[in-house]
């Protein structure tokens, strides 16, 4: 039995001075799960972390937590103090991009590259490479949550043992994060049956009717002339790539305009709304009135509003600004749409104040919800949603939120940043877009209007998540820890 010390910049909520509560972010979730693995090996985890306020000591989730006040311009000094106070072998669980002097024989974790902003000065990126080299020189092993950091180390640094950087992607408890009841099952026979029914459903599309998100007129036509009908709908379901040609009329880009379609079921036939919109997706009040009328006519068949969930922290790197801009257009265009921001918010921060003001003064505020969920409660938020959005701008690993949404059978729209590329295969189990508002909005419009595509992507998202199950993660981390602790002399533990 022995103590294992985890050093990190965040675990309990040192942002809002709620020191007794684990902060609801991916890093904090990771540390909580890692402490469980350490405890399962018979050892005692402790956490040393930074505090934006005073130093503190607390105990939560059966873990002793020590908080350290620090100078934001000298993070390495705070890590030196934490390492000196550590009562056991040390795991540096964050901030490897800082010029830290590592305690010999320690382990490190990289949760994703956070220096991937295109506008970051070249000099800064070169300095980061030097700091990562310090980590490779000073740590016995580094666990990476995605393939991108591993590739960065191989490309920008040198180290003799290729096994020094170990890839262990983040994980999800697929037995807990399940699709909402009635739960779909994914036996091959059942999936084939569902897909056959889905294709038959698409083949029943017969008529097209128009509605406008932004632009000057409504375009109506037969299914065959619009390019949406049975053939293009089926092509969309079966496509392996972007499918621009197959989806002509569904979503095309011509010069500075694009065309998307919306499908509704009414009491007698299928209709498709063809939307002609400019590249800025501007929604003026006159056109919005047309949209609301068309949507109201079709809403009689909708059992409930479509809900989009943003299950992230309210922060710049997590893409809150592109998400807010996309929400402005979508809420104005689709009166039967709701958006939930299901993540932590640091009260008093610039982005936190901006979000509160935006929400409070928004013309569709009643269809915007913001709530912070406990790790154990967030499944309910996924069960109430139809689409999940992970619009990260920079600094991303194999996102917990992305994995949870996929495991719950939700279609995910994610930016092609960091470890999200490890999880999403564009057009197969989700949609990848460049970081930013324009492409994000277009992808959301597409899924809001296409129920069948949402269902198809959700099925393969769930199947993908099964390969990232938490049990596999725990097993791989147990192997790494047993080897690491044996090297440090902490071999024996209490099991039970």
Protein backbone atom coordinates (compact mmCIF):
# COMPACT_ATOMS: atom_id res chain seq x y z
CA UNK A 1 0.00 0.00 0.00
CA UNK A 2 1.31 3.42 -0.90
CA UNK A 3 0.39 6.90 -2.05
CA UNK A 4 0.42 7.92 -5.72
CA UNK A 5 0.54 11.69 -6.32
CA UNK A 6 -1.15 13.32 -9.31
CA UNK A 7 -0.08 16.86 -10.22
CA UNK A 8 -2.40 18.96 -12.38
CA UNK A 9 -3.59 22.49 -13.00
CA UNK A 10 -7.25 21.58 -12.30
CA UNK A 11 -9.31 18.97 -10.48
CA UNK A 12 -11.73 20.46 -7.95
CA UNK A 13 -13.27 23.77 -8.92
CA UNK A 14 -10.49 26.27 -8.32
CA UNK A 15 -12.08 28.57 -10.91
CA UNK A 16 -15.25 29.37 -8.96
CA UNK A 17 -13.82 28.77 -5.46
CA UNK A 18 -15.92 25.63 -4.99
CA UNK A 19 -13.00 23.57 -3.74
CA UNK A 20 -15.12 20.65 -2.57
CA UNK A 21 -16.59 19.96 -6.01
CA UNK A 22 -14.87 18.23 -8.92
CA UNK A 23 -14.93 20.62 -11.89
CA UNK A 24 -16.98 19.30 -14.78
CA UNK A 25 -14.32 19.13 -17.49
CA UNK A 26 -12.63 16.34 -19.39
CA UNK A 27 -9.31 16.64 -17.54
CA UNK A 28 -11.06 16.41 -14.20
CA UNK A 29 -13.10 13.41 -15.29
CA UNK A 30 -9.91 11.74 -16.47
CA UNK A 31 -8.18 12.25 -13.11
CA UNK A 32 -11.23 10.93 -11.26
CA UNK A 33 -11.18 7.74 -13.35
CA UNK A 34 -7.41 7.41 -12.95
CA UNK A 35 -7.75 7.66 -9.18
CA UNK A 36 -10.21 4.77 -9.36
CA UNK A 37 -7.65 2.65 -11.23
CA UNK A 38 -4.96 3.53 -8.67
CA UNK A 39 -7.29 2.59 -5.84
CA UNK A 40 -8.14 -0.67 -7.62
CA UNK A 41 -4.44 -1.56 -7.60
CA UNK A 42 -4.44 -1.17 -3.82
CA UNK A 43 -2.86 2.28 -3.57
CA UNK A 44 -4.06 5.67 -2.35
CA UNK A 45 -4.38 8.52 -4.85
CA UNK A 46 -3.86 12.16 -3.91
CA UNK A 47 -4.18 15.23 -6.13
CA UNK A 48 -2.11 18.41 -6.07
CA UNK A 49 -3.54 21.22 -8.16
CA UNK A 50 -3.36 24.94 -8.89
CA UNK A 51 -5.85 27.38 -7.37
CA UNK A 52 -6.88 30.71 -8.86
CA UNK A 53 -7.54 31.84 -5.29
CA UNK A 54 -5.98 30.91 -1.97
CA UNK A 55 -4.24 27.66 -1.13
CA UNK A 56 -6.59 24.97 0.17
CA UNK A 57 -6.87 21.39 1.35
CA UNK A 58 -10.01 19.32 0.96
CA UNK A 59 -11.24 15.78 0.49
CA UNK A 60 -13.73 14.80 -2.18
CA UNK A 61 -14.64 11.52 -3.87
CA UNK A 62 -12.42 9.80 -1.25
CA UNK A 63 -9.41 11.74 -2.58
CA UNK A 64 -7.20 14.16 -0.65
CA UNK A 65 -6.79 17.33 -2.72
CA UNK A 66 -4.21 20.07 -2.11
CA UNK A 67 -4.56 23.44 -3.83
CA UNK A 68 -1.67 25.85 -4.44
CA UNK A 69 -1.89 29.55 -5.18
CA UNK A 70 0.50 30.52 -7.95
CA UNK A 71 1.81 33.16 -10.31
CA UNK A 72 0.19 32.66 -13.71
CA UNK A 73 3.47 33.74 -15.34
CA UNK A 74 5.42 31.07 -13.48
CA UNK A 75 3.51 27.78 -13.61
CA UNK A 76 6.69 25.62 -13.44
CA UNK A 77 7.47 27.05 -9.98
CA UNK A 78 4.05 25.90 -8.72
CA UNK A 79 4.67 22.42 -10.10
CA UNK A 80 8.03 22.37 -8.31
CA UNK A 81 6.24 23.06 -5.01
CA UNK A 82 3.62 20.40 -5.72
CA UNK A 83 6.29 17.80 -6.57
CA UNK A 84 8.17 18.63 -3.34
CA UNK A 85 5.01 18.12 -1.28
CA UNK A 86 3.97 14.89 -3.06
CA UNK A 87 3.90 11.89 -0.74
CA UNK A 88 4.38 9.24 -3.43
CA UNK A 89 5.49 8.56 -7.01
CA UNK A 90 4.47 11.48 -9.23
CA UNK A 91 2.23 11.61 -12.27
CA UNK A 92 2.34 14.95 -14.11
CA UNK A 93 -1.22 15.00 -15.43
CA UNK A 94 -1.13 18.30 -17.35
CA UNK A 95 0.97 21.26 -18.52
CA UNK A 96 3.71 19.25 -20.28
CA UNK A 97 4.07 22.20 -22.67
CA UNK A 98 5.49 24.24 -19.76
CA UNK A 99 9.28 24.23 -19.00
CA UNK A 100 8.85 22.06 -15.92
CA UNK A 101 11.77 20.53 -14.04
CA UNK A 102 10.48 16.99 -13.61
CA UNK A 103 11.01 14.85 -10.56
CA UNK A 104 13.15 11.89 -11.71
CA UNK A 105 11.32 8.64 -12.36
CA UNK A 106 7.93 10.29 -12.94
CA UNK A 107 5.12 9.62 -15.40
CA UNK A 108 3.39 12.20 -17.63
CA UNK A 109 0.05 12.56 -19.41
CA UNK A 110 -0.77 14.70 -22.44
CA UNK A 111 -4.48 15.40 -22.95
CA UNK A 112 -4.09 16.83 -26.42
CA UNK A 113 -2.18 19.53 -28.23
CA UNK A 114 -3.17 23.00 -27.08
CA UNK A 115 -0.65 24.90 -29.20
CA UNK A 116 -2.50 24.11 -32.45
CA UNK A 117 -3.93 27.58 -33.00
CA UNK A 118 -2.99 28.62 -36.55
CA UNK A 119 -2.34 32.20 -35.41
CA UNK A 120 0.00 31.27 -32.56
CA UNK A 121 3.42 32.82 -33.24
CA UNK A 122 5.99 30.47 -34.75
CA UNK A 123 8.44 31.33 -31.99
CA UNK A 124 5.93 30.15 -29.37
CA UNK A 125 5.36 26.87 -31.18
CA UNK A 126 9.12 26.31 -31.40
CA UNK A 127 9.41 26.92 -27.67
CA UNK A 128 6.66 24.39 -27.01
CA UNK A 129 8.60 21.78 -28.99
CA UNK A 130 11.60 22.46 -26.76
CA UNK A 131 9.44 22.07 -23.65
CA UNK A 132 8.02 18.77 -24.91
CA UNK A 133 11.60 17.61 -25.45
CA UNK A 134 12.22 18.43 -21.77
CA UNK A 135 9.28 16.19 -20.87
CA UNK A 136 10.61 13.35 -23.01
CA UNK A 137 14.03 13.72 -21.41
CA UNK A 138 12.69 13.99 -17.86
CA UNK A 139 9.81 11.47 -17.72
CA UNK A 140 10.06 7.69 -17.88
CA UNK A 141 6.87 7.47 -19.95
CA UNK A 142 4.17 9.76 -21.35
CA UNK A 143 0.60 8.60 -21.91
CA UNK A 144 -1.11 10.39 -24.82
CA UNK A 145 -4.88 10.44 -25.22
CA UNK A 146 -4.69 10.89 -29.00
CA UNK A 147 -2.46 10.05 -31.94
CA UNK A 148 -1.67 13.68 -32.69
CA UNK A 149 0.63 14.25 -29.71
CA UNK A 150 2.38 10.97 -30.44
CA UNK A 151 2.98 12.09 -34.03
CA UNK A 152 4.13 15.52 -32.84
CA UNK A 153 6.75 13.92 -30.60
CA UNK A 154 8.02 11.76 -33.43
CA UNK A 155 8.14 14.70 -35.84
CA UNK A 156 9.48 17.51 -33.65
CA UNK A 157 11.46 15.74 -30.89
CA UNK A 158 13.95 12.93 -30.41
CA UNK A 159 13.82 10.01 -27.97
CA UNK A 160 15.48 6.60 -28.20
CA UNK A 161 12.62 4.34 -27.12
CA UNK A 162 9.50 4.47 -29.35
CA UNK A 163 7.54 2.91 -26.47
CA UNK A 164 8.11 5.96 -24.28
CA UNK A 165 4.95 7.62 -25.64
CA UNK A 166 2.00 5.31 -25.01
CA UNK A 167 -1.29 5.88 -26.81
CA UNK A 168 -4.31 5.28 -24.57
CA UNK A 169 -7.36 7.10 -26.00
CA UNK A 170 -10.01 8.42 -23.66
CA UNK A 171 -12.92 6.10 -22.95
CA UNK A 172 -16.61 5.97 -22.18
CA UNK A 173 -18.72 3.64 -20.07
CA UNK A 174 -20.81 2.17 -22.88
CA UNK A 175 -22.96 0.24 -20.41
CA UNK A 176 -24.09 3.52 -18.84
CA UNK A 177 -24.06 5.89 -21.80
CA UNK A 178 -26.58 4.02 -23.91
CA UNK A 179 -29.09 5.28 -26.49
CA UNK A 180 -32.26 6.73 -25.05
CA UNK A 181 -35.16 4.31 -24.46
CA UNK A 182 -36.46 2.54 -26.39
CA UNK A 183 -32.87 1.44 -26.77
CA UNK A 184 -31.83 0.43 -30.25
CA UNK A 185 -29.91 -2.84 -30.37
CA UNK A 186 -27.07 -3.41 -32.74
CA UNK A 187 -27.18 -7.08 -33.58
CA UNK A 188 -26.34 -7.47 -37.26
CA UNK A 189 -29.77 -8.86 -38.14
CA UNK A 190 -31.55 -6.03 -36.31
CA UNK A 191 -29.35 -3.38 -37.87
CA UNK A 192 -29.95 -4.78 -41.36
CA UNK A 193 -33.67 -4.70 -40.68
CA UNK A 194 -33.52 -1.09 -39.51
CA UNK A 195 -31.42 0.02 -42.47
CA UNK A 196 -33.81 -1.69 -44.90
CA UNK A 197 -36.73 0.13 -43.28
CA UNK A 198 -34.82 3.38 -43.44
CA UNK A 199 -34.14 3.01 -47.18
CA UNK A 200 -37.78 2.15 -47.82
CA UNK A 201 -38.77 5.23 -45.88
CA UNK A 202 -36.53 7.41 -48.01
CA UNK A 203 -37.94 5.90 -51.20
CA UNK A 204 -41.38 7.19 -50.27
CA UNK A 205 -40.33 10.82 -50.75
CA UNK A 206 -42.49 12.23 -53.54
CA UNK A 207 -43.05 15.99 -53.37
CA UNK A 208 -40.97 19.11 -52.74
CA UNK A 209 -42.07 22.35 -51.15
CA UNK A 210 -39.94 25.37 -50.34
CA UNK A 211 -38.92 27.35 -47.32
CA UNK A 212 -36.15 29.88 -46.91
CA UNK A 213 -33.60 30.33 -44.17
CA UNK A 214 -32.26 33.43 -45.87
CA UNK A 215 -32.49 34.70 -49.40
CA UNK A 216 -35.19 36.11 -51.62
CA UNK A 217 -37.52 33.39 -52.78
CA UNK A 218 -38.93 29.92 -52.26
CA UNK A 219 -38.12 27.31 -54.89
CA UNK A 220 -40.51 24.41 -55.31
CA UNK A 221 -40.38 21.39 -57.58
CA UNK A 222 -40.87 17.67 -57.97
CA UNK A 223 -38.55 15.31 -56.22
CA UNK A 224 -36.83 14.32 -59.44
CA UNK A 225 -36.17 17.88 -60.53
CA UNK A 226 -34.85 19.13 -57.21
CA UNK A 227 -32.27 16.39 -56.94
CA UNK A 228 -33.50 15.33 -53.50
CA UNK A 229 -36.15 12.58 -53.93
CA UNK A 230 -35.59 8.91 -53.53
CA UNK A 231 -32.39 8.63 -55.56
CA UNK A 232 -30.45 11.47 -53.97
CA UNK A 233 -31.77 10.62 -50.50
CA UNK A 234 -30.55 7.08 -50.85
CA UNK A 235 -27.23 8.23 -52.25
CA UNK A 236 -26.78 10.40 -49.20
CA UNK A 237 -27.40 7.47 -46.91
CA UNK A 238 -24.98 5.21 -48.77
CA UNK A 239 -22.23 7.65 -49.60
CA UNK A 240 -18.71 7.14 -48.33
CA UNK A 241 -17.34 10.69 -48.81
CA UNK A 242 -18.63 14.21 -49.04
CA UNK A 243 -21.11 13.25 -51.74
CA UNK A 244 -21.48 16.77 -53.22
CA UNK A 245 -22.51 15.46 -56.62
CA UNK A 246 -24.93 12.91 -55.24
CA UNK A 247 -26.45 15.53 -52.95
CA UNK A 248 -26.98 18.18 -55.62
CA UNK A 249 -30.04 20.12 -54.61
CA UNK A 250 -29.61 18.81 -51.10
CA UNK A 251 -26.57 20.90 -50.27
CA UNK A 252 -24.57 22.50 -53.07
CA UNK A 253 -22.22 25.43 -53.22
CA UNK A 254 -22.37 27.67 -56.26
CA UNK A 255 -20.24 30.78 -56.14
CA UNK A 256 -21.42 32.52 -52.99
CA UNK A 257 -24.64 30.65 -52.39
CA UNK A 258 -25.61 27.23 -51.21
CA UNK A 259 -28.71 25.09 -51.35
CA UNK A 260 -29.95 22.78 -48.65
CA UNK A 261 -33.17 20.84 -48.21
CA UNK A 262 -35.56 20.12 -45.38
CA UNK A 263 -37.77 17.05 -45.11
CA UNK A 264 -41.14 16.92 -43.33
CA UNK A 265 -43.87 14.31 -43.14
CA UNK A 266 -47.44 15.58 -43.41
CA UNK A 267 -50.66 13.65 -43.40
CA UNK A 268 -50.69 12.85 -47.12
CA UNK A 269 -47.19 13.02 -48.60
CA UNK A 270 -43.55 13.90 -48.14
CA UNK A 271 -42.42 17.44 -48.82
CA UNK A 272 -38.96 18.86 -49.20
CA UNK A 273 -38.09 22.48 -48.54
CA UNK A 274 -35.39 23.80 -50.80
CA UNK A 275 -33.48 26.58 -49.11
CA UNK A 276 -31.53 29.10 -51.15
CA UNK A 277 -29.22 31.02 -48.82
CA UNK A 278 -26.27 33.35 -49.19
CA UNK A 279 -22.84 32.47 -47.84
CA UNK A 280 -23.35 34.60 -44.75
CA UNK A 281 -26.59 32.77 -43.83
CA UNK A 282 -28.27 36.09 -42.96
CA UNK A 283 -31.80 35.67 -41.63
CA UNK A 284 -33.91 38.79 -42.07
CA UNK A 285 -37.28 39.21 -40.46
CA UNK A 286 -39.27 38.95 -43.67
CA UNK A 287 -37.72 35.66 -44.71
CA UNK A 288 -37.87 34.34 -41.17
CA UNK A 289 -41.63 34.78 -41.33
CA UNK A 290 -41.77 32.46 -44.34
CA UNK A 291 -39.72 29.87 -42.50
CA UNK A 292 -41.92 30.02 -39.43
CA UNK A 293 -45.07 29.57 -41.51
CA UNK A 294 -43.69 26.58 -43.41
CA UNK A 295 -42.36 25.03 -40.21
CA UNK A 296 -45.65 25.58 -38.38
CA UNK A 297 -47.49 23.80 -41.19
CA UNK A 298 -45.23 20.77 -40.84
CA UNK A 299 -44.90 20.82 -37.06
CA UNK A 300 -48.16 18.97 -36.53
CA UNK A 301 -46.27 15.75 -37.19
CA UNK A 302 -43.31 16.51 -34.87
CA UNK A 303 -43.68 14.78 -31.48
CA UNK A 304 -41.36 17.31 -29.83
CA UNK A 305 -38.92 20.07 -30.79
CA UNK A 306 -35.57 19.07 -32.23
CA UNK A 307 -32.88 19.62 -29.61
CA UNK A 308 -29.20 20.36 -30.21
CA UNK A 309 -26.79 19.84 -27.33
CA UNK A 310 -23.45 21.58 -26.85
CA UNK A 311 -21.97 19.43 -24.03
CA UNK A 312 -18.86 21.52 -23.45
CA UNK A 313 -17.40 24.13 -21.14
CA UNK A 314 -18.43 27.68 -22.00
CA UNK A 315 -14.94 28.67 -23.19
CA UNK A 316 -13.16 30.04 -26.23
CA UNK A 317 -11.17 26.94 -27.10
CA UNK A 318 -14.29 24.76 -26.92
CA UNK A 319 -15.89 26.80 -29.70
CA UNK A 320 -18.53 28.72 -27.77
CA UNK A 321 -18.38 31.72 -30.13
CA UNK A 322 -19.01 29.72 -33.35
CA UNK A 323 -21.74 27.84 -31.50
CA UNK A 324 -23.48 31.04 -30.40
CA UNK A 325 -23.30 32.46 -33.93
CA UNK A 326 -24.71 29.25 -35.39
CA UNK A 327 -27.45 29.27 -32.75
CA UNK A 328 -28.51 32.77 -33.83
CA UNK A 329 -29.20 31.59 -37.37
CA UNK A 330 -30.76 28.26 -36.47
CA UNK A 331 -33.13 29.56 -33.80
CA UNK A 332 -34.36 32.25 -36.15
CA UNK A 333 -34.87 29.79 -38.99
CA UNK A 334 -36.42 26.85 -37.14
CA UNK A 335 -39.13 27.72 -34.58
CA UNK A 336 -39.31 24.05 -33.48
CA UNK A 337 -35.64 23.96 -32.46
CA UNK A 338 -34.08 24.09 -28.97
CA UNK A 339 -30.42 24.38 -28.00
CA UNK A 340 -28.92 23.28 -24.68
CA UNK A 341 -25.50 24.41 -23.48
CA UNK A 342 -24.67 21.59 -21.08
CA UNK A 343 -21.35 22.56 -19.57
CA UNK A 344 -19.43 24.44 -16.92
CA UNK A 345 -19.29 28.23 -16.93
CA UNK A 346 -16.75 30.25 -15.02
CA UNK A 347 -18.79 33.07 -13.50
CA UNK A 348 -17.17 36.48 -13.85
CA UNK A 349 -14.90 35.49 -16.72
CA UNK A 350 -15.08 37.52 -19.93
CA UNK A 351 -16.57 34.68 -21.94
CA UNK A 352 -18.91 33.79 -19.08
CA UNK A 353 -20.28 37.33 -18.86
CA UNK A 354 -20.63 37.52 -22.64
CA UNK A 355 -22.59 34.27 -22.72
CA UNK A 356 -24.91 35.36 -19.89
CA UNK A 357 -25.66 38.65 -21.66
CA UNK A 358 -26.22 36.91 -25.01
CA UNK A 359 -28.62 34.43 -23.41
CA UNK A 360 -30.47 37.03 -21.36
CA UNK A 361 -31.07 39.38 -24.30
CA UNK A 362 -31.62 36.79 -27.04
CA UNK A 363 -34.95 37.08 -28.92
CA UNK A 364 -35.34 33.28 -28.62
CA UNK A 365 -34.06 32.98 -25.05
CA UNK A 366 -36.92 30.64 -24.12
CA UNK A 367 -35.48 28.03 -26.49
CA UNK A 368 -31.94 28.29 -25.07
CA UNK A 369 -31.00 26.39 -21.93
CA UNK A 370 -27.73 26.40 -19.99
CA UNK A 371 -27.14 23.88 -17.25
CA UNK A 372 -24.11 22.38 -15.54
CA UNK A 373 -24.45 18.62 -15.11
CA UNK A 374 -22.71 16.33 -12.72
CA UNK A 375 -20.72 13.59 -14.47
CA UNK A 376 -23.32 11.10 -13.29
CA UNK A 377 -26.33 13.07 -14.56
CA UNK A 378 -25.25 14.22 -18.01
CA UNK A 379 -26.62 11.08 -19.69
CA UNK A 380 -30.11 12.51 -19.31
CA UNK A 381 -29.07 15.55 -21.36
CA UNK A 382 -27.92 13.30 -24.20
CA UNK A 383 -31.17 11.33 -24.03
CA UNK A 384 -33.15 14.54 -24.57
CA UNK A 385 -31.05 15.60 -27.57
CA UNK A 386 -31.17 14.85 -31.30
CA UNK A 387 -27.79 16.27 -32.37
CA UNK A 388 -24.54 16.83 -30.46
CA UNK A 389 -22.06 19.56 -31.39
CA UNK A 390 -18.34 19.55 -30.54
CA UNK A 391 -17.14 22.75 -32.26
CA UNK A 392 -13.64 22.94 -30.74
CA UNK A 393 -11.43 25.72 -32.09
CA UNK A 394 -8.15 24.46 -30.62
CA UNK A 395 -6.81 22.25 -27.81
CA UNK A 396 -8.66 18.95 -28.05
CA UNK A 397 -7.89 15.32 -27.29
CA UNK A 398 -10.24 12.37 -27.66
CA UNK A 399 -13.14 14.32 -26.22
CA UNK A 400 -15.20 12.74 -23.44
CA UNK A 401 -18.24 14.68 -24.57
CA UNK A 402 -17.85 13.38 -28.11
CA UNK A 403 -17.50 9.79 -26.91
CA UNK A 404 -20.47 10.08 -24.56
CA UNK A 405 -22.70 11.51 -27.27
CA UNK A 406 -21.62 8.79 -29.71
CA UNK A 407 -22.20 6.09 -27.11
CA UNK A 408 -25.72 7.46 -26.60
CA UNK A 409 -26.36 7.02 -30.32
CA UNK A 410 -26.37 10.72 -31.20
CA UNK A 411 -25.11 12.07 -34.51
CA UNK A 412 -22.13 14.31 -33.78
CA UNK A 413 -20.94 17.36 -35.68
CA UNK A 414 -17.34 18.04 -34.66
CA UNK A 415 -14.56 20.28 -35.85
CA UNK A 416 -11.56 18.54 -37.37
CA UNK A 417 -9.30 19.52 -34.46
CA UNK A 418 -6.95 17.28 -32.49
CA UNK A 419 -8.20 13.90 -31.30
CA UNK A 420 -11.68 14.44 -32.76
CA UNK A 421 -10.16 13.18 -36.00
CA UNK A 422 -9.37 9.91 -34.21
CA UNK A 423 -13.05 9.45 -33.28
CA UNK A 424 -15.06 10.72 -36.26
CA UNK A 425 -14.92 9.39 -39.80
CA UNK A 426 -16.64 12.11 -41.78
CA UNK A 427 -19.94 10.92 -43.25
CA UNK A 428 -19.78 7.50 -41.59
CA UNK A 429 -20.26 8.00 -37.84
CA UNK A 430 -20.51 11.78 -37.71
CA UNK A 431 -19.66 14.96 -39.56
CA UNK A 432 -16.32 16.78 -39.44
CA UNK A 433 -16.07 20.47 -40.32
CA UNK A 434 -13.25 23.03 -40.17
CA UNK A 435 -13.37 25.12 -36.97
CA UNK A 436 -15.60 28.15 -37.43
CA UNK A 437 -19.22 29.22 -37.73
CA UNK A 438 -20.01 28.97 -41.44
CA UNK A 439 -19.38 25.26 -42.03
CA UNK A 440 -20.80 24.45 -38.60
CA UNK A 441 -24.07 26.18 -39.46
CA UNK A 442 -24.36 24.41 -42.80
CA UNK A 443 -23.80 21.00 -41.18
CA UNK A 444 -26.37 21.71 -38.49
CA UNK A 445 -28.95 22.81 -41.05
CA UNK A 446 -28.34 19.59 -42.93
CA UNK A 447 -28.96 17.36 -39.91
CA UNK A 448 -31.86 19.37 -38.55
CA UNK A 449 -33.64 18.78 -41.85
CA UNK A 450 -32.66 15.15 -42.37
CA UNK A 451 -34.02 12.78 -39.74
CA UNK A 452 -32.90 9.68 -41.61
CA UNK A 453 -29.32 10.91 -41.79
CA UNK A 454 -29.37 11.64 -38.06
CA UNK A 455 -30.49 8.08 -37.35
CA UNK A 456 -27.91 6.54 -39.66
CA UNK A 457 -24.98 8.50 -38.21
CA UNK A 458 -26.18 7.77 -34.69
CA UNK A 459 -26.17 4.01 -35.23
CA UNK A 460 -22.56 3.98 -36.43
CA UNK A 461 -21.55 6.45 -33.74
CA UNK A 462 -22.74 3.98 -31.10
CA UNK A 463 -20.88 1.11 -32.74
CA UNK A 464 -17.69 3.21 -32.85
CA UNK A 465 -17.99 4.10 -29.18
CA UNK A 466 -18.03 0.42 -28.23
CA UNK A 467 -14.35 0.18 -29.21
CA UNK A 468 -13.55 2.94 -26.69
CA UNK A 469 -15.17 1.22 -23.72
CA UNK A 470 -14.01 2.21 -20.25
CA UNK A 471 -13.12 -1.37 -19.27
CA UNK A 472 -10.47 -1.48 -21.98
CA UNK A 473 -9.06 1.88 -20.84
CA UNK A 474 -8.84 0.71 -17.23
CA UNK A 475 -7.04 -2.46 -18.26
CA UNK A 476 -4.45 -0.59 -20.31
CA UNK A 477 -3.85 1.97 -17.57
CA UNK A 478 -3.50 -0.79 -14.99
CA UNK A 479 -0.70 -2.32 -17.07
CA UNK A 480 1.10 1.04 -17.36
CA UNK A 481 0.72 1.79 -13.65
CA UNK A 482 1.88 -1.62 -12.48
CA UNK A 483 5.05 -1.26 -14.52
CA UNK A 484 5.60 2.36 -13.42
CA UNK A 485 5.04 1.66 -9.73
CA UNK A 486 7.26 -1.40 -9.83
CA UNK A 487 10.06 0.77 -11.21
CA UNK A 488 9.56 3.25 -8.35
CA UNK A 489 9.57 0.49 -5.73
CA UNK A 490 5.88 0.84 -4.89
CA UNK A 491 5.03 -2.76 -5.71
CA UNK A 492 2.61 -3.96 -3.11
CA UNK A 493 -0.93 -2.73 -2.64
CA UNK A 494 -4.16 -3.62 -0.94
CA UNK A 495 -6.60 -5.34 -3.26
CA UNK A 496 -10.22 -5.93 -2.61
